[in-house]
């Protein structure tokens, strides 16, 4: 029996579709059907009840689903033990993160990781939290950093320090000339650039406004963007101000191309976590990266550097 056939079986069981499983695994539907039939012949049991509209696990299929993940984890553990014999750490790892929940900091940390483990290749996918969480559930990536409000029962999480956010503007913003913090009500009148739906900073800002009986529609939103670089460029060009993670723009603040505007009573931070899927076995390379990123001191140290040297 081939272990990849069990992975195919788990994908069909999760997606309840041969077609979706084939797309997820980059296989033809014929190949998926062949692998499932091979497993059924091996165990002598029908694993799925098939119809034109659905694919449902049989009792035998449910039993295999329960044990297949343990089988794959044990297989992965054995492979890792074999790799340890040669004292070499290598491979590749696919990781995800949003700019609000760690995206700007991740490249710095991954560079530190690469210096320590040069034979592990990292592929970083930066998107909004909902897409990252879905990619993790689908097995497209092995681990991710997301905001806590996007956790679900299929994700195992490890806490990280919160990401402090602040209102940032270009040097030409009139509020920069004011002495001391501005009033919260002033934020409602200022031109604002925000991330699109699914942006964790946008979601946290929405929650903060709701706590004061306000809504996003009460803000003077002049532009919505779907990438952090576009957001930063729009603010630097004077299109508007924006709420963003303070650790995402330390160099711009140091150069003076961006400034922080303090607001009375404004306290916004992204609660974030490092997550892996409970349903997919973690590769050796991803496990090494997970162990590295779980160090809370690593995240705090970088944050302190940015805040102490703006």
C-alpha atoms as a PDB file:
ATOM      1  CA  UNK A   1       0.000   0.000   0.000  1.00  0.00           C
ATOM      2  CA  UNK A   2       1.289   3.484  -0.892  1.00  0.00           C
ATOM      3  CA  UNK A   3       1.078   6.247   1.681  1.00  0.00           C
ATOM      4  CA  UNK A   4       0.131   8.848  -0.923  1.00  0.00           C
ATOM      5  CA  UNK A   5      -3.036   6.815  -1.585  1.00  0.00           C
ATOM      6  CA  UNK A   6      -4.028   7.426   2.043  1.00  0.00           C
ATOM      7  CA  UNK A   7      -3.427  11.154   1.550  1.00  0.00           C
ATOM      8  CA  UNK A   8      -5.709  11.034  -1.485  1.00  0.00           C
ATOM      9  CA  UNK A   9      -8.340   9.169   0.556  1.00  0.00           C
ATOM     10  CA  UNK A  10      -8.238  11.822   3.295  1.00  0.00           C
ATOM     11  CA  UNK A  11      -8.578  14.597   0.714  1.00  0.00           C
ATOM     12  CA  UNK A  12     -11.697  12.977  -0.806  1.00  0.00           C
ATOM     13  CA  UNK A  13     -13.152  12.419   2.676  1.00  0.00           C
ATOM     14  CA  UNK A  14     -12.535  16.060   3.645  1.00  0.00           C
ATOM     15  CA  UNK A  15     -13.789  17.613   0.396  1.00  0.00           C
ATOM     16  CA  UNK A  16     -16.593  15.046  -0.138  1.00  0.00           C
ATOM     17  CA  UNK A  17     -15.730  15.253  -3.816  1.00  0.00           C
ATOM     18  CA  UNK A  18     -13.398  13.370  -6.154  1.00  0.00           C
ATOM     19  CA  UNK A  19     -13.176  16.448  -8.385  1.00  0.00           C
ATOM     20  CA  UNK A  20     -12.183  18.862  -5.594  1.00  0.00           C
ATOM     21  CA  UNK A  21      -9.702  16.366  -4.165  1.00  0.00           C
ATOM     22  CA  UNK A  22      -8.109  15.953  -7.599  1.00  0.00           C
ATOM     23  CA  UNK A  23      -7.790  19.746  -7.944  1.00  0.00           C
ATOM     24  CA  UNK A  24      -6.278  20.082  -4.476  1.00  0.00           C
ATOM     25  CA  UNK A  25      -3.696  17.326  -5.080  1.00  0.00           C
ATOM     26  CA  UNK A  26      -2.959  18.339  -8.691  1.00  0.00           C
ATOM     27  CA  UNK A  27      -4.066  14.917  -9.925  1.00  0.00           C
ATOM     28  CA  UNK A  28      -6.523  13.872 -12.599  1.00  0.00           C
ATOM     29  CA  UNK A  29      -9.906  12.645 -11.435  1.00  0.00           C
ATOM     30  CA  UNK A  30      -9.077   9.306 -13.059  1.00  0.00           C
ATOM     31  CA  UNK A  31      -5.960   9.002 -10.897  1.00  0.00           C
ATOM     32  CA  UNK A  32      -7.943   9.785  -7.750  1.00  0.00           C
ATOM     33  CA  UNK A  33     -10.588   7.188  -8.643  1.00  0.00           C
ATOM     34  CA  UNK A  34      -7.891   4.601  -9.337  1.00  0.00           C
ATOM     35  CA  UNK A  35      -6.203   5.206  -5.978  1.00  0.00           C
ATOM     36  CA  UNK A  36      -9.492   4.908  -4.067  1.00  0.00           C
ATOM     37  CA  UNK A  37     -10.384   1.693  -5.919  1.00  0.00           C
ATOM     38  CA  UNK A  38      -6.925   0.332  -5.108  1.00  0.00           C
ATOM     39  CA  UNK A  39      -7.480   1.047  -1.398  1.00  0.00           C
ATOM     40  CA  UNK A  40     -10.912  -0.572  -1.527  1.00  0.00           C
ATOM     41  CA  UNK A  41      -9.407  -3.662  -3.133  1.00  0.00           C
ATOM     42  CA  UNK A  42      -6.617  -3.726  -0.536  1.00  0.00           C
ATOM     43  CA  UNK A  43      -9.018  -3.578   2.427  1.00  0.00           C
ATOM     44  CA  UNK A  44     -11.791  -5.541   0.737  1.00  0.00           C
ATOM     45  CA  UNK A  45     -14.343  -2.894   1.691  1.00  0.00           C
ATOM     46  CA  UNK A  46     -16.206  -0.070  -0.024  1.00  0.00           C
ATOM     47  CA  UNK A  47     -14.932   3.200   1.418  1.00  0.00           C
ATOM     48  CA  UNK A  48     -17.342   5.677  -0.186  1.00  0.00           C
ATOM     49  CA  UNK A  49     -20.992   5.663  -1.192  1.00  0.00           C
ATOM     50  CA  UNK A  50     -21.013   7.490  -4.522  1.00  0.00           C
ATOM     51  CA  UNK A  51     -23.862   9.343  -6.206  1.00  0.00           C
ATOM     52  CA  UNK A  52     -24.165  12.083  -8.810  1.00  0.00           C
ATOM     53  CA  UNK A  53     -24.373  14.748  -6.106  1.00  0.00           C
ATOM     54  CA  UNK A  54     -22.326  13.529  -3.151  1.00  0.00           C
ATOM     55  CA  UNK A  55     -19.557  11.282  -1.859  1.00  0.00           C
ATOM     56  CA  UNK A  56     -20.222   9.877   1.619  1.00  0.00           C
ATOM     57  CA  UNK A  57     -17.974   7.719   3.802  1.00  0.00           C
ATOM     58  CA  UNK A  58     -19.162   4.196   4.576  1.00  0.00           C
ATOM     59  CA  UNK A  59     -18.608   2.673   8.026  1.00  0.00           C
ATOM     60  CA  UNK A  60     -15.384   1.155   6.712  1.00  0.00           C
ATOM     61  CA  UNK A  61     -14.400   4.543   5.313  1.00  0.00           C
ATOM     62  CA  UNK A  62     -15.002   6.236   8.662  1.00  0.00           C
ATOM     63  CA  UNK A  63     -12.791   3.653  10.354  1.00  0.00           C
ATOM     64  CA  UNK A  64      -9.993   4.248   7.853  1.00  0.00           C
ATOM     65  CA  UNK A  65     -10.356   8.023   8.145  1.00  0.00           C
ATOM     66  CA  UNK A  66      -9.841   7.735  11.893  1.00  0.00           C
ATOM     67  CA  UNK A  67      -6.634   5.698  11.545  1.00  0.00           C
ATOM     68  CA  UNK A  68      -5.169   7.063   8.286  1.00  0.00           C
ATOM     69  CA  UNK A  69      -3.875  10.299   9.819  1.00  0.00           C
ATOM     70  CA  UNK A  70      -2.147   8.364  12.613  1.00  0.00           C
ATOM     71  CA  UNK A  71      -0.601   6.061  10.008  1.00  0.00           C
ATOM     72  CA  UNK A  72       0.700   9.020   8.029  1.00  0.00           C
ATOM     73  CA  UNK A  73       2.021  10.751  11.148  1.00  0.00           C
ATOM     74  CA  UNK A  74       3.882   7.590  12.170  1.00  0.00           C
ATOM     75  CA  UNK A  75       5.277   7.293   8.643  1.00  0.00           C
ATOM     76  CA  UNK A  76       6.401  10.940   8.761  1.00  0.00           C
ATOM     77  CA  UNK A  77       7.984  10.411  12.188  1.00  0.00           C
ATOM     78  CA  UNK A  78       9.923   7.432  10.857  1.00  0.00           C
ATOM     79  CA  UNK A  79      11.143   9.444   7.868  1.00  0.00           C
ATOM     80  CA  UNK A  80      12.294  12.209  10.205  1.00  0.00           C
ATOM     81  CA  UNK A  81      14.131   9.713  12.399  1.00  0.00           C
ATOM     82  CA  UNK A  82      15.878   8.353   9.316  1.00  0.00           C
ATOM     83  CA  UNK A  83      16.831  11.901   8.330  1.00  0.00           C
ATOM     84  CA  UNK A  84      18.232  12.570  11.785  1.00  0.00           C
ATOM     85  CA  UNK A  85      20.639   9.682  11.301  1.00  0.00           C
ATOM     86  CA  UNK A  86      22.481  11.732   8.719  1.00  0.00           C
ATOM     87  CA  UNK A  87      22.347  14.869  10.953  1.00  0.00           C
ATOM     88  CA  UNK A  88      21.147  16.895   7.965  1.00  0.00           C
ATOM     89  CA  UNK A  89      18.165  19.261   8.042  1.00  0.00           C
ATOM     90  CA  UNK A  90      16.842  19.986   4.578  1.00  0.00           C
ATOM     91  CA  UNK A  91      13.646  20.175   2.564  1.00  0.00           C
ATOM     92  CA  UNK A  92      11.081  22.850   1.768  1.00  0.00           C
ATOM     93  CA  UNK A  93       8.273  24.477   3.694  1.00  0.00           C
ATOM     94  CA  UNK A  94       5.227  26.406   2.479  1.00  0.00           C
ATOM     95  CA  UNK A  95       4.084  29.094   4.919  1.00  0.00           C
ATOM     96  CA  UNK A  96       1.420  31.776   4.969  1.00  0.00           C
ATOM     97  CA  UNK A  97       0.871  35.093   6.736  1.00  0.00           C
ATOM     98  CA  UNK A  98      -1.063  38.338   6.387  1.00  0.00           C
ATOM     99  CA  UNK A  99       0.587  41.758   6.691  1.00  0.00           C
ATOM    100  CA  UNK A 100      -1.531  42.617   9.730  1.00  0.00           C
ATOM    101  CA  UNK A 101      -0.717  39.409  11.607  1.00  0.00           C
ATOM    102  CA  UNK A 102       2.987  39.248  10.918  1.00  0.00           C
ATOM    103  CA  UNK A 103       3.615  39.598   7.192  1.00  0.00           C
ATOM    104  CA  UNK A 104       6.115  42.510   7.438  1.00  0.00           C
ATOM    105  CA  UNK A 105       8.018  40.796  10.249  1.00  0.00           C
ATOM    106  CA  UNK A 106       8.053  37.304   8.768  1.00  0.00           C
ATOM    107  CA  UNK A 107      10.665  37.979   6.031  1.00  0.00           C
ATOM    108  CA  UNK A 108      13.095  39.202   8.710  1.00  0.00           C
ATOM    109  CA  UNK A 109      12.498  36.128  10.884  1.00  0.00           C
ATOM    110  CA  UNK A 110      12.647  33.761   7.922  1.00  0.00           C
ATOM    111  CA  UNK A 111      16.002  35.257   6.951  1.00  0.00           C
ATOM    112  CA  UNK A 112      17.284  34.427  10.448  1.00  0.00           C
ATOM    113  CA  UNK A 113      15.910  30.922  10.019  1.00  0.00           C
ATOM    114  CA  UNK A 114      17.599  30.533   6.632  1.00  0.00           C
ATOM    115  CA  UNK A 115      20.941  31.530   8.128  1.00  0.00           C
ATOM    116  CA  UNK A 116      20.555  28.743  10.680  1.00  0.00           C
ATOM    117  CA  UNK A 117      19.055  26.156   8.302  1.00  0.00           C
ATOM    118  CA  UNK A 118      20.334  27.035   4.814  1.00  0.00           C
ATOM    119  CA  UNK A 119      19.200  23.700   3.327  1.00  0.00           C
ATOM    120  CA  UNK A 120      15.512  24.363   4.056  1.00  0.00           C
ATOM    121  CA  UNK A 121      13.759  26.342   1.328  1.00  0.00           C
ATOM    122  CA  UNK A 122      10.856  28.562   2.445  1.00  0.00           C
ATOM    123  CA  UNK A 123       7.910  29.606   0.264  1.00  0.00           C
ATOM    124  CA  UNK A 124       5.973  32.508   1.861  1.00  0.00           C
ATOM    125  CA  UNK A 125       2.416  33.294   0.741  1.00  0.00           C
ATOM    126  CA  UNK A 126       1.088  36.662   2.005  1.00  0.00           C
ATOM    127  CA  UNK A 127      -2.686  37.085   1.723  1.00  0.00           C
ATOM    128  CA  UNK A 128      -5.612  38.065   3.922  1.00  0.00           C
ATOM    129  CA  UNK A 129      -6.270  35.854   6.953  1.00  0.00           C
ATOM    130  CA  UNK A 130      -9.356  34.001   5.593  1.00  0.00           C
ATOM    131  CA  UNK A 131      -7.460  32.876   2.475  1.00  0.00           C
ATOM    132  CA  UNK A 132      -4.425  31.854   4.525  1.00  0.00           C
ATOM    133  CA  UNK A 133      -6.605  29.821   6.923  1.00  0.00           C
ATOM    134  CA  UNK A 134      -8.275  28.104   3.947  1.00  0.00           C
ATOM    135  CA  UNK A 135      -4.932  27.328   2.306  1.00  0.00           C
ATOM    136  CA  UNK A 136      -3.802  25.772   5.581  1.00  0.00           C
ATOM    137  CA  UNK A 137      -6.959  23.641   5.838  1.00  0.00           C
ATOM    138  CA  UNK A 138      -6.500  22.544   2.211  1.00  0.00           C
ATOM    139  CA  UNK A 139      -2.902  21.500   2.837  1.00  0.00           C
ATOM    140  CA  UNK A 140      -1.485  24.041   0.365  1.00  0.00           C
ATOM    141  CA  UNK A 141       0.708  25.464   3.147  1.00  0.00           C
ATOM    142  CA  UNK A 142       2.104  23.776   6.239  1.00  0.00           C
ATOM    143  CA  UNK A 143       1.920  26.551   8.827  1.00  0.00           C
ATOM    144  CA  UNK A 144       0.845  30.169   9.084  1.00  0.00           C
ATOM    145  CA  UNK A 145       0.540  33.285  11.218  1.00  0.00           C
ATOM    146  CA  UNK A 146      -3.056  34.550  11.434  1.00  0.00           C
ATOM    147  CA  UNK A 147      -5.262  36.661  13.705  1.00  0.00           C
ATOM    148  CA  UNK A 148      -6.939  34.709  16.500  1.00  0.00           C
ATOM    149  CA  UNK A 149     -10.470  35.451  15.257  1.00  0.00           C
ATOM    150  CA  UNK A 150      -9.821  33.225  12.213  1.00  0.00           C
ATOM    151  CA  UNK A 151      -9.084  30.103  14.263  1.00  0.00           C
ATOM    152  CA  UNK A 152     -11.261  27.022  13.757  1.00  0.00           C
ATOM    153  CA  UNK A 153     -11.513  23.544  15.273  1.00  0.00           C
ATOM    154  CA  UNK A 154      -9.174  22.052  12.648  1.00  0.00           C
ATOM    155  CA  UNK A 155      -6.256  24.344  13.527  1.00  0.00           C
ATOM    156  CA  UNK A 156      -3.753  23.888  16.333  1.00  0.00           C
ATOM    157  CA  UNK A 157      -2.454  27.240  17.588  1.00  0.00           C
ATOM    158  CA  UNK A 158       0.573  28.610  19.433  1.00  0.00           C
ATOM    159  CA  UNK A 159       0.271  32.139  20.919  1.00  0.00           C
ATOM    160  CA  UNK A 160       2.482  34.989  19.725  1.00  0.00           C
ATOM    161  CA  UNK A 161       2.923  38.556  21.063  1.00  0.00           C
ATOM    162  CA  UNK A 162       0.218  40.951  19.853  1.00  0.00           C
ATOM    163  CA  UNK A 163       0.984  43.337  16.971  1.00  0.00           C
ATOM    164  CA  UNK A 164       0.504  46.988  17.988  1.00  0.00           C
ATOM    165  CA  UNK A 165      -1.190  49.235  15.416  1.00  0.00           C
ATOM    166  CA  UNK A 166      -1.191  53.019  15.036  1.00  0.00           C
ATOM    167  CA  UNK A 167      -2.500  55.748  12.762  1.00  0.00           C
ATOM    168  CA  UNK A 168       0.180  56.591  10.192  1.00  0.00           C
ATOM    169  CA  UNK A 169       0.341  59.505   7.744  1.00  0.00           C
ATOM    170  CA  UNK A 170       2.647  61.338   5.355  1.00  0.00           C
ATOM    171  CA  UNK A 171       4.655  64.292   6.763  1.00  0.00           C
ATOM    172  CA  UNK A 172       2.288  66.728   4.992  1.00  0.00           C
ATOM    173  CA  UNK A 173      -0.783  65.668   6.977  1.00  0.00           C
ATOM    174  CA  UNK A 174      -2.235  68.741   8.820  1.00  0.00           C
ATOM    175  CA  UNK A 175      -2.701  66.763  12.054  1.00  0.00           C
ATOM    176  CA  UNK A 176       1.086  66.287  12.279  1.00  0.00           C
ATOM    177  CA  UNK A 177       1.432  69.980  13.144  1.00  0.00           C
ATOM    178  CA  UNK A 178      -0.864  69.684  16.161  1.00  0.00           C
ATOM    179  CA  UNK A 179       0.722  69.524  19.584  1.00  0.00           C
ATOM    180  CA  UNK A 180       0.016  66.272  21.434  1.00  0.00           C
ATOM    181  CA  UNK A 181      -2.468  63.502  20.622  1.00  0.00           C
ATOM    182  CA  UNK A 182      -5.581  64.261  18.562  1.00  0.00           C
ATOM    183  CA  UNK A 183      -9.120  63.467  19.683  1.00  0.00           C
ATOM    184  CA  UNK A 184     -10.742  60.197  18.597  1.00  0.00           C
ATOM    185  CA  UNK A 185     -13.495  62.175  16.840  1.00  0.00           C
ATOM    186  CA  UNK A 186     -10.828  63.737  14.564  1.00  0.00           C
ATOM    187  CA  UNK A 187     -10.211  60.283  13.089  1.00  0.00           C
ATOM    188  CA  UNK A 188     -13.733  60.306  11.629  1.00  0.00           C
ATOM    189  CA  UNK A 189     -12.954  63.341   9.472  1.00  0.00           C
ATOM    190  CA  UNK A 190      -9.501  62.358   8.249  1.00  0.00           C
ATOM    191  CA  UNK A 191      -9.130  60.754   4.790  1.00  0.00           C
ATOM    192  CA  UNK A 192      -8.413  57.085   5.410  1.00  0.00           C
ATOM    193  CA  UNK A 193      -6.912  54.277   3.314  1.00  0.00           C
ATOM    194  CA  UNK A 194      -7.809  50.780   4.540  1.00  0.00           C
ATOM    195  CA  UNK A 195      -7.328  47.153   3.541  1.00  0.00           C
ATOM    196  CA  UNK A 196     -10.039  45.163   1.790  1.00  0.00           C
ATOM    197  CA  UNK A 197     -12.458  42.687   3.344  1.00  0.00           C
ATOM    198  CA  UNK A 198     -10.598  39.953   5.212  1.00  0.00           C
ATOM    199  CA  UNK A 199      -7.820  42.326   6.309  1.00  0.00           C
ATOM    200  CA  UNK A 200      -7.336  41.683  10.035  1.00  0.00           C
ATOM    201  CA  UNK A 201      -6.448  45.342  10.752  1.00  0.00           C
ATOM    202  CA  UNK A 202      -9.703  46.401   9.111  1.00  0.00           C
ATOM    203  CA  UNK A 203     -11.622  43.857  11.224  1.00  0.00           C
ATOM    204  CA  UNK A 204     -10.013  45.047  14.463  1.00  0.00           C
ATOM    205  CA  UNK A 205     -10.688  48.685  13.557  1.00  0.00           C
ATOM    206  CA  UNK A 206     -14.313  47.757  12.914  1.00  0.00           C
ATOM    207  CA  UNK A 207     -14.569  46.146  16.373  1.00  0.00           C
ATOM    208  CA  UNK A 208     -12.999  49.208  18.013  1.00  0.00           C
ATOM    209  CA  UNK A 209     -15.504  51.490  16.276  1.00  0.00           C
ATOM    210  CA  UNK A 210     -18.444  49.279  17.282  1.00  0.00           C
ATOM    211  CA  UNK A 211     -17.403  49.519  20.917  1.00  0.00           C
ATOM    212  CA  UNK A 212     -17.969  53.286  20.573  1.00  0.00           C
ATOM    213  CA  UNK A 213     -21.269  52.892  18.746  1.00  0.00           C
ATOM    214  CA  UNK A 214     -19.695  53.637  15.361  1.00  0.00           C
ATOM    215  CA  UNK A 215     -19.149  51.767  12.100  1.00  0.00           C
ATOM    216  CA  UNK A 216     -16.686  51.740   9.209  1.00  0.00           C
ATOM    217  CA  UNK A 217     -19.192  53.767   7.171  1.00  0.00           C
ATOM    218  CA  UNK A 218     -18.727  56.601   9.679  1.00  0.00           C
ATOM    219  CA  UNK A 219     -15.110  56.951   8.557  1.00  0.00           C
ATOM    220  CA  UNK A 220     -13.932  59.065   5.631  1.00  0.00           C
ATOM    221  CA  UNK A 221     -12.595  56.135   3.582  1.00  0.00           C
ATOM    222  CA  UNK A 222     -11.060  57.435   0.349  1.00  0.00           C
ATOM    223  CA  UNK A 223      -9.399  54.239  -0.868  1.00  0.00           C
ATOM    224  CA  UNK A 224      -9.495  50.486  -0.278  1.00  0.00           C
ATOM    225  CA  UNK A 225      -6.454  48.406  -1.272  1.00  0.00           C
ATOM    226  CA  UNK A 226      -5.634  44.705  -1.206  1.00  0.00           C
ATOM    227  CA  UNK A 227      -1.882  44.691  -0.627  1.00  0.00           C
ATOM    228  CA  UNK A 228       0.316  46.176   2.050  1.00  0.00           C
ATOM    229  CA  UNK A 229       2.716  47.788  -0.428  1.00  0.00           C
ATOM    230  CA  UNK A 230      -0.191  49.588  -2.113  1.00  0.00           C
ATOM    231  CA  UNK A 231      -1.462  50.724   1.286  1.00  0.00           C
ATOM    232  CA  UNK A 232       1.926  52.073   2.317  1.00  0.00           C
ATOM    233  CA  UNK A 233       2.496  53.817  -1.025  1.00  0.00           C
ATOM    234  CA  UNK A 234      -0.925  55.486  -0.890  1.00  0.00           C
ATOM    235  CA  UNK A 235      -0.164  56.924   2.556  1.00  0.00           C
ATOM    236  CA  UNK A 236       3.325  58.078   1.533  1.00  0.00           C
ATOM    237  CA  UNK A 237       1.818  59.857  -1.498  1.00  0.00           C
ATOM    238  CA  UNK A 238      -0.629  61.701   0.761  1.00  0.00           C
ATOM    239  CA  UNK A 239      -3.806  59.973  -0.434  1.00  0.00           C
ATOM    240  CA  UNK A 240      -4.836  59.546   3.193  1.00  0.00           C
ATOM    241  CA  UNK A 241      -3.867  58.224   6.591  1.00  0.00           C
ATOM    242  CA  UNK A 242      -4.063  54.558   7.568  1.00  0.00           C
ATOM    243  CA  UNK A 243      -4.091  52.302  10.599  1.00  0.00           C
ATOM    244  CA  UNK A 244      -1.306  49.754  10.246  1.00  0.00           C
ATOM    245  CA  UNK A 245       1.054  47.600  12.356  1.00  0.00           C
ATOM    246  CA  UNK A 246       3.739  49.872  13.778  1.00  0.00           C
ATOM    247  CA  UNK A 247       6.414  47.231  13.130  1.00  0.00           C
ATOM    248  CA  UNK A 248       5.588  47.216   9.431  1.00  0.00           C
ATOM    249  CA  UNK A 249       7.066  50.665   8.712  1.00  0.00           C
ATOM    250  CA  UNK A 250      10.091  51.264  11.020  1.00  0.00           C
ATOM    251  CA  UNK A 251      12.415  52.388   8.243  1.00  0.00           C
ATOM    252  CA  UNK A 252       9.839  54.769   6.754  1.00  0.00           C
ATOM    253  CA  UNK A 253       9.293  56.346  10.193  1.00  0.00           C
ATOM    254  CA  UNK A 254      13.057  56.627  10.688  1.00  0.00           C
ATOM    255  CA  UNK A 255      13.466  58.337   7.287  1.00  0.00           C
ATOM    256  CA  UNK A 256      10.522  60.634   7.970  1.00  0.00           C
ATOM    257  CA  UNK A 257       8.478  59.554   4.950  1.00  0.00           C
ATOM    258  CA  UNK A 258       5.791  58.375   7.370  1.00  0.00           C
ATOM    259  CA  UNK A 259       4.728  59.679  10.778  1.00  0.00           C
ATOM    260  CA  UNK A 260       2.709  58.252  13.661  1.00  0.00           C
ATOM    261  CA  UNK A 261      -0.301  60.284  14.810  1.00  0.00           C
ATOM    262  CA  UNK A 262      -1.245  59.586  18.423  1.00  0.00           C
ATOM    263  CA  UNK A 263      -4.953  59.451  19.248  1.00  0.00           C
ATOM    264  CA  UNK A 264      -6.438  59.785  22.726  1.00  0.00           C
ATOM    265  CA  UNK A 265      -8.051  56.533  23.831  1.00  0.00           C
ATOM    266  CA  UNK A 266      -6.940  54.696  20.695  1.00  0.00           C
ATOM    267  CA  UNK A 267      -5.671  51.223  21.570  1.00  0.00           C
ATOM    268  CA  UNK A 268      -5.630  48.687  18.759  1.00  0.00           C
ATOM    269  CA  UNK A 269      -3.562  45.504  18.554  1.00  0.00           C
ATOM    270  CA  UNK A 270      -3.793  42.317  16.511  1.00  0.00           C
ATOM    271  CA  UNK A 271      -3.926  39.166  18.620  1.00  0.00           C
ATOM    272  CA  UNK A 272      -2.133  36.585  16.495  1.00  0.00           C
ATOM    273  CA  UNK A 273      -1.148  32.950  16.594  1.00  0.00           C
ATOM    274  CA  UNK A 274       1.130  30.522  14.831  1.00  0.00           C
ATOM    275  CA  UNK A 275      -1.053  27.707  13.454  1.00  0.00           C
ATOM    276  CA  UNK A 276      -0.810  24.269  11.845  1.00  0.00           C
ATOM    277  CA  UNK A 277      -3.538  21.944  10.634  1.00  0.00           C
ATOM    278  CA  UNK A 278      -4.715  19.135  12.902  1.00  0.00           C
ATOM    279  CA  UNK A 279      -5.791  17.182   9.823  1.00  0.00           C
ATOM    280  CA  UNK A 280      -2.518  17.157   7.868  1.00  0.00           C
ATOM    281  CA  UNK A 281       0.811  15.635   8.938  1.00  0.00           C
ATOM    282  CA  UNK A 282       3.537  18.261   9.228  1.00  0.00           C
ATOM    283  CA  UNK A 283       6.680  17.759   7.144  1.00  0.00           C
ATOM    284  CA  UNK A 284      10.048  17.630   8.848  1.00  0.00           C
ATOM    285  CA  UNK A 285      11.061  20.999   7.349  1.00  0.00           C
ATOM    286  CA  UNK A 286       7.842  22.645   8.565  1.00  0.00           C
ATOM    287  CA  UNK A 287       8.307  21.139  12.025  1.00  0.00           C
ATOM    288  CA  UNK A 288      11.786  22.657  12.239  1.00  0.00           C
ATOM    289  CA  UNK A 289      10.413  26.051  11.178  1.00  0.00           C
ATOM    290  CA  UNK A 290       7.509  25.735  13.632  1.00  0.00           C
ATOM    291  CA  UNK A 291       9.893  25.070  16.527  1.00  0.00           C
ATOM    292  CA  UNK A 292      11.986  28.074  15.493  1.00  0.00           C
ATOM    293  CA  UNK A 293       9.032  30.502  15.214  1.00  0.00           C
ATOM    294  CA  UNK A 294       7.434  29.360  18.490  1.00  0.00           C
ATOM    295  CA  UNK A 295      10.092  31.328  20.373  1.00  0.00           C
ATOM    296  CA  UNK A 296       8.209  34.340  21.750  1.00  0.00           C
ATOM    297  CA  UNK A 297      11.479  36.166  22.476  1.00  0.00           C
ATOM    298  CA  UNK A 298      12.234  36.160  18.749  1.00  0.00           C
ATOM    299  CA  UNK A 299       9.114  38.209  17.970  1.00  0.00           C
ATOM    300  CA  UNK A 300       9.472  40.551  20.934  1.00  0.00           C
ATOM    301  CA  UNK A 301      13.129  41.262  20.225  1.00  0.00           C
ATOM    302  CA  UNK A 302      12.439  42.415  16.673  1.00  0.00           C
ATOM    303  CA  UNK A 303       9.471  44.498  17.814  1.00  0.00           C
ATOM    304  CA  UNK A 304      11.532  46.241  20.474  1.00  0.00           C
ATOM    305  CA  UNK A 305      14.210  47.159  17.956  1.00  0.00           C
ATOM    306  CA  UNK A 306      11.619  48.830  15.727  1.00  0.00           C
ATOM    307  CA  UNK A 307       9.929  50.723  18.558  1.00  0.00           C
ATOM    308  CA  UNK A 308      13.094  51.896  20.267  1.00  0.00           C
ATOM    309  CA  UNK A 309      14.708  53.101  17.033  1.00  0.00           C
ATOM    310  CA  UNK A 310      11.912  54.751  14.969  1.00  0.00           C
END
